N, C-alpha and C. Protein backbone atom coordinates (compact mmCIF):
# COMPACT_ATOMS: atom_id res chain seq x y z
N MET A 1 -3.05 68.47 -76.16
CA MET A 1 -2.99 67.02 -76.03
C MET A 1 -2.16 66.65 -74.80
N ASN A 2 -2.66 65.72 -74.01
CA ASN A 2 -1.95 65.29 -72.81
C ASN A 2 -0.94 64.22 -73.18
N LYS A 3 0.33 64.44 -72.86
CA LYS A 3 1.36 63.47 -73.22
C LYS A 3 1.53 62.37 -72.18
N HIS A 4 0.77 62.41 -71.11
CA HIS A 4 0.86 61.37 -70.10
C HIS A 4 -0.06 60.22 -70.48
N VAL A 5 0.53 59.08 -70.73
CA VAL A 5 -0.21 57.92 -71.21
C VAL A 5 -1.22 57.44 -70.18
N HIS A 6 -0.88 57.51 -68.92
CA HIS A 6 -1.72 56.95 -67.87
C HIS A 6 -2.60 57.99 -67.18
N HIS A 7 -2.84 59.11 -67.83
CA HIS A 7 -3.63 60.19 -67.21
C HIS A 7 -4.99 59.69 -66.71
N LYS A 8 -5.73 59.00 -67.56
CA LYS A 8 -7.06 58.51 -67.17
C LYS A 8 -6.97 57.53 -66.00
N GLN A 9 -6.00 56.64 -66.06
CA GLN A 9 -5.80 55.66 -64.99
C GLN A 9 -5.45 56.36 -63.67
N VAL A 10 -4.64 57.40 -63.73
CA VAL A 10 -4.26 58.15 -62.53
C VAL A 10 -5.50 58.79 -61.91
N ILE A 11 -6.32 59.44 -62.73
CA ILE A 11 -7.52 60.11 -62.24
C ILE A 11 -8.48 59.08 -61.63
N GLU A 12 -8.66 57.94 -62.29
CA GLU A 12 -9.54 56.90 -61.76
C GLU A 12 -9.04 56.38 -60.41
N ARG A 13 -7.74 56.15 -60.32
CA ARG A 13 -7.18 55.66 -59.05
C ARG A 13 -7.33 56.70 -57.94
N LEU A 14 -7.11 57.97 -58.29
CA LEU A 14 -7.28 59.03 -57.29
C LEU A 14 -8.73 59.10 -56.80
N SER A 15 -9.67 58.90 -57.68
CA SER A 15 -11.08 58.89 -57.28
C SER A 15 -11.36 57.74 -56.32
N LYS A 16 -10.79 56.57 -56.60
CA LYS A 16 -10.97 55.42 -55.70
C LYS A 16 -10.34 55.69 -54.34
N ILE A 17 -9.15 56.26 -54.35
CA ILE A 17 -8.46 56.58 -53.10
C ILE A 17 -9.27 57.60 -52.31
N GLU A 18 -9.79 58.60 -53.00
CA GLU A 18 -10.60 59.63 -52.35
C GLU A 18 -11.82 58.99 -51.66
N GLY A 19 -12.49 58.08 -52.36
CA GLY A 19 -13.63 57.38 -51.77
C GLY A 19 -13.22 56.54 -50.57
N HIS A 20 -12.07 55.90 -50.69
CA HIS A 20 -11.56 55.08 -49.59
C HIS A 20 -11.28 55.94 -48.36
N VAL A 21 -10.69 57.11 -48.56
CA VAL A 21 -10.40 58.02 -47.45
C VAL A 21 -11.70 58.48 -46.78
N ARG A 22 -12.71 58.77 -47.60
CA ARG A 22 -14.01 59.14 -47.02
C ARG A 22 -14.58 57.99 -46.18
N GLY A 23 -14.37 56.77 -46.64
CA GLY A 23 -14.81 55.61 -45.88
C GLY A 23 -14.09 55.49 -44.54
N ILE A 24 -12.80 55.78 -44.55
CA ILE A 24 -12.03 55.76 -43.31
C ILE A 24 -12.53 56.83 -42.35
N LYS A 25 -12.82 58.00 -42.87
CA LYS A 25 -13.36 59.08 -42.03
C LYS A 25 -14.67 58.64 -41.39
N LYS A 26 -15.52 58.00 -42.17
CA LYS A 26 -16.80 57.52 -41.65
C LYS A 26 -16.57 56.47 -40.55
N MET A 27 -15.61 55.58 -40.79
CA MET A 27 -15.28 54.58 -39.77
C MET A 27 -14.86 55.25 -38.47
N ALA A 28 -14.02 56.29 -38.57
CA ALA A 28 -13.56 57.00 -37.38
C ALA A 28 -14.73 57.69 -36.68
N GLU A 29 -15.60 58.32 -37.48
CA GLU A 29 -16.77 59.01 -36.92
C GLU A 29 -17.69 58.04 -36.19
N GLU A 30 -17.78 56.82 -36.72
CA GLU A 30 -18.65 55.80 -36.12
C GLU A 30 -17.98 55.05 -34.98
N GLY A 31 -16.72 55.36 -34.71
CA GLY A 31 -16.01 54.73 -33.61
C GLY A 31 -15.62 53.29 -33.86
N LYS A 32 -15.34 52.96 -35.11
CA LYS A 32 -14.93 51.59 -35.44
C LYS A 32 -13.61 51.25 -34.74
N GLU A 33 -13.33 49.98 -34.66
CA GLU A 33 -12.12 49.50 -33.99
C GLU A 33 -10.86 50.13 -34.61
N CYS A 34 -9.93 50.52 -33.75
CA CYS A 34 -8.69 51.14 -34.21
C CYS A 34 -7.96 50.26 -35.22
N GLU A 35 -7.92 48.97 -34.95
CA GLU A 35 -7.22 48.05 -35.84
C GLU A 35 -7.83 48.10 -37.25
N ASP A 36 -9.15 48.12 -37.33
CA ASP A 36 -9.82 48.18 -38.63
C ASP A 36 -9.52 49.48 -39.37
N VAL A 37 -9.51 50.57 -38.63
CA VAL A 37 -9.20 51.87 -39.23
C VAL A 37 -7.75 51.88 -39.73
N LEU A 38 -6.84 51.36 -38.92
CA LEU A 38 -5.43 51.33 -39.30
C LEU A 38 -5.20 50.45 -40.53
N ILE A 39 -5.90 49.35 -40.63
CA ILE A 39 -5.78 48.48 -41.80
C ILE A 39 -6.21 49.24 -43.06
N GLN A 40 -7.29 49.99 -42.95
CA GLN A 40 -7.76 50.76 -44.10
C GLN A 40 -6.80 51.89 -44.46
N ILE A 41 -6.23 52.52 -43.45
CA ILE A 41 -5.23 53.57 -43.70
C ILE A 41 -4.03 52.97 -44.43
N SER A 42 -3.61 51.79 -43.99
CA SER A 42 -2.49 51.11 -44.64
C SER A 42 -2.81 50.81 -46.10
N ALA A 43 -4.04 50.43 -46.39
CA ALA A 43 -4.44 50.15 -47.77
C ALA A 43 -4.37 51.41 -48.63
N VAL A 44 -4.79 52.54 -48.08
CA VAL A 44 -4.72 53.81 -48.81
C VAL A 44 -3.26 54.20 -49.05
N MET A 45 -2.43 54.02 -48.04
CA MET A 45 -1.01 54.36 -48.20
C MET A 45 -0.38 53.50 -49.31
N ALA A 46 -0.73 52.22 -49.36
CA ALA A 46 -0.20 51.34 -50.41
C ALA A 46 -0.71 51.79 -51.79
N ALA A 47 -1.98 52.17 -51.86
CA ALA A 47 -2.55 52.63 -53.12
C ALA A 47 -1.84 53.90 -53.59
N LEU A 48 -1.53 54.80 -52.68
CA LEU A 48 -0.81 56.03 -53.03
C LEU A 48 0.61 55.73 -53.49
N ARG A 49 1.27 54.79 -52.82
CA ARG A 49 2.63 54.40 -53.24
C ARG A 49 2.59 53.82 -54.65
N ASN A 50 1.63 52.94 -54.91
CA ASN A 50 1.50 52.33 -56.24
C ASN A 50 1.20 53.39 -57.29
N LEU A 51 0.37 54.35 -56.96
CA LEU A 51 0.06 55.43 -57.87
C LEU A 51 1.31 56.28 -58.15
N SER A 52 2.11 56.50 -57.13
CA SER A 52 3.35 57.26 -57.31
C SER A 52 4.26 56.57 -58.32
N VAL A 53 4.32 55.26 -58.27
CA VAL A 53 5.16 54.51 -59.21
C VAL A 53 4.66 54.71 -60.64
N ILE A 54 3.35 54.66 -60.83
CA ILE A 54 2.77 54.87 -62.16
C ILE A 54 3.11 56.26 -62.67
N ILE A 55 2.96 57.26 -61.83
CA ILE A 55 3.24 58.63 -62.24
C ILE A 55 4.73 58.83 -62.52
N LEU A 56 5.58 58.28 -61.66
CA LEU A 56 7.02 58.39 -61.89
C LEU A 56 7.42 57.72 -63.21
N GLN A 57 6.87 56.56 -63.47
CA GLN A 57 7.19 55.84 -64.71
C GLN A 57 6.72 56.63 -65.92
N ASP A 58 5.51 57.17 -65.85
CA ASP A 58 4.97 57.97 -66.94
C ASP A 58 5.84 59.21 -67.17
N HIS A 59 6.26 59.83 -66.08
CA HIS A 59 7.12 61.01 -66.17
C HIS A 59 8.45 60.66 -66.82
N LEU A 60 9.01 59.55 -66.40
CA LEU A 60 10.29 59.11 -66.97
C LEU A 60 10.14 58.79 -68.45
N ASP A 61 9.11 58.05 -68.80
CA ASP A 61 8.91 57.60 -70.18
C ASP A 61 8.61 58.75 -71.14
N HIS A 62 8.02 59.81 -70.64
CA HIS A 62 7.58 60.87 -71.54
C HIS A 62 8.26 62.21 -71.26
N CYS A 63 8.04 62.76 -70.11
CA CYS A 63 8.58 64.10 -69.81
C CYS A 63 10.10 64.12 -69.84
N ILE A 64 10.72 63.15 -69.21
CA ILE A 64 12.18 63.11 -69.14
C ILE A 64 12.76 62.87 -70.54
N VAL A 65 12.21 61.90 -71.23
CA VAL A 65 12.69 61.59 -72.58
C VAL A 65 12.55 62.80 -73.50
N ASP A 66 11.39 63.46 -73.44
CA ASP A 66 11.17 64.65 -74.26
C ASP A 66 12.16 65.77 -73.91
N ALA A 67 12.39 65.97 -72.61
CA ALA A 67 13.32 67.02 -72.18
C ALA A 67 14.74 66.73 -72.67
N ILE A 68 15.14 65.48 -72.62
CA ILE A 68 16.48 65.10 -73.10
C ILE A 68 16.59 65.37 -74.60
N LYS A 69 15.54 64.99 -75.34
CA LYS A 69 15.53 65.24 -76.79
C LYS A 69 15.63 66.73 -77.10
N GLU A 70 15.07 67.56 -76.22
CA GLU A 70 15.09 69.01 -76.41
C GLU A 70 16.33 69.67 -75.82
N GLY A 71 17.24 68.87 -75.26
CA GLY A 71 18.47 69.41 -74.70
C GLY A 71 18.30 70.00 -73.31
N LYS A 72 17.22 69.65 -72.62
CA LYS A 72 16.94 70.19 -71.29
C LYS A 72 17.01 69.10 -70.22
N GLY A 73 17.78 68.06 -70.48
CA GLY A 73 17.80 66.89 -69.61
C GLY A 73 18.39 67.12 -68.24
N GLY A 74 19.40 67.94 -68.13
CA GLY A 74 20.09 68.12 -66.84
C GLY A 74 19.16 68.55 -65.73
N LYS A 75 18.47 69.64 -65.91
CA LYS A 75 17.56 70.17 -64.90
C LYS A 75 16.40 69.21 -64.67
N THR A 76 15.90 68.62 -65.73
CA THR A 76 14.77 67.70 -65.62
C THR A 76 15.15 66.46 -64.82
N LEU A 77 16.34 65.93 -65.06
CA LEU A 77 16.79 64.77 -64.30
C LEU A 77 17.01 65.12 -62.84
N GLU A 78 17.51 66.31 -62.59
CA GLU A 78 17.69 66.79 -61.22
C GLU A 78 16.35 66.86 -60.50
N ASP A 79 15.34 67.41 -61.17
CA ASP A 79 13.99 67.51 -60.59
C ASP A 79 13.39 66.12 -60.36
N PHE A 80 13.65 65.21 -61.31
CA PHE A 80 13.14 63.85 -61.18
C PHE A 80 13.77 63.14 -59.98
N ALA A 81 15.06 63.31 -59.80
CA ALA A 81 15.75 62.72 -58.66
C ALA A 81 15.18 63.26 -57.35
N ASN A 82 14.87 64.54 -57.32
CA ASN A 82 14.27 65.15 -56.14
C ASN A 82 12.88 64.56 -55.87
N ALA A 83 12.10 64.36 -56.92
CA ALA A 83 10.77 63.78 -56.77
C ALA A 83 10.87 62.36 -56.22
N ILE A 84 11.82 61.60 -56.71
CA ILE A 84 12.01 60.23 -56.23
C ILE A 84 12.35 60.23 -54.74
N LYS A 85 13.19 61.16 -54.31
CA LYS A 85 13.54 61.25 -52.89
C LYS A 85 12.29 61.44 -52.03
N HIS A 86 11.36 62.25 -52.50
CA HIS A 86 10.12 62.48 -51.75
C HIS A 86 9.23 61.25 -51.73
N VAL A 87 9.21 60.52 -52.81
CA VAL A 87 8.35 59.35 -52.91
C VAL A 87 8.85 58.23 -51.99
N VAL A 88 10.15 58.06 -51.92
CA VAL A 88 10.70 56.94 -51.14
C VAL A 88 10.93 57.26 -49.67
N LYS A 89 10.61 58.47 -49.24
CA LYS A 89 10.77 58.84 -47.82
C LYS A 89 9.98 57.92 -46.94
């Protein structure tokens, strides 16, 4: 059983992002205006940031809470802090 509540939502969003990236590639191949390509890249970056927030929240709500209940909170919180550092770079 998957303990991540938003698993289906994450997969759906990743599929949309994947399609969007393919669209950007096609735009580049067709020589579309740089500004238009950059706008689309910015949209994908925002979608990835938003997805990161969903995953971090899900991780906090479930994985971290479960680890703390099991007495393994220290290492898990350390790993979570490291993940946050990568997301906010």
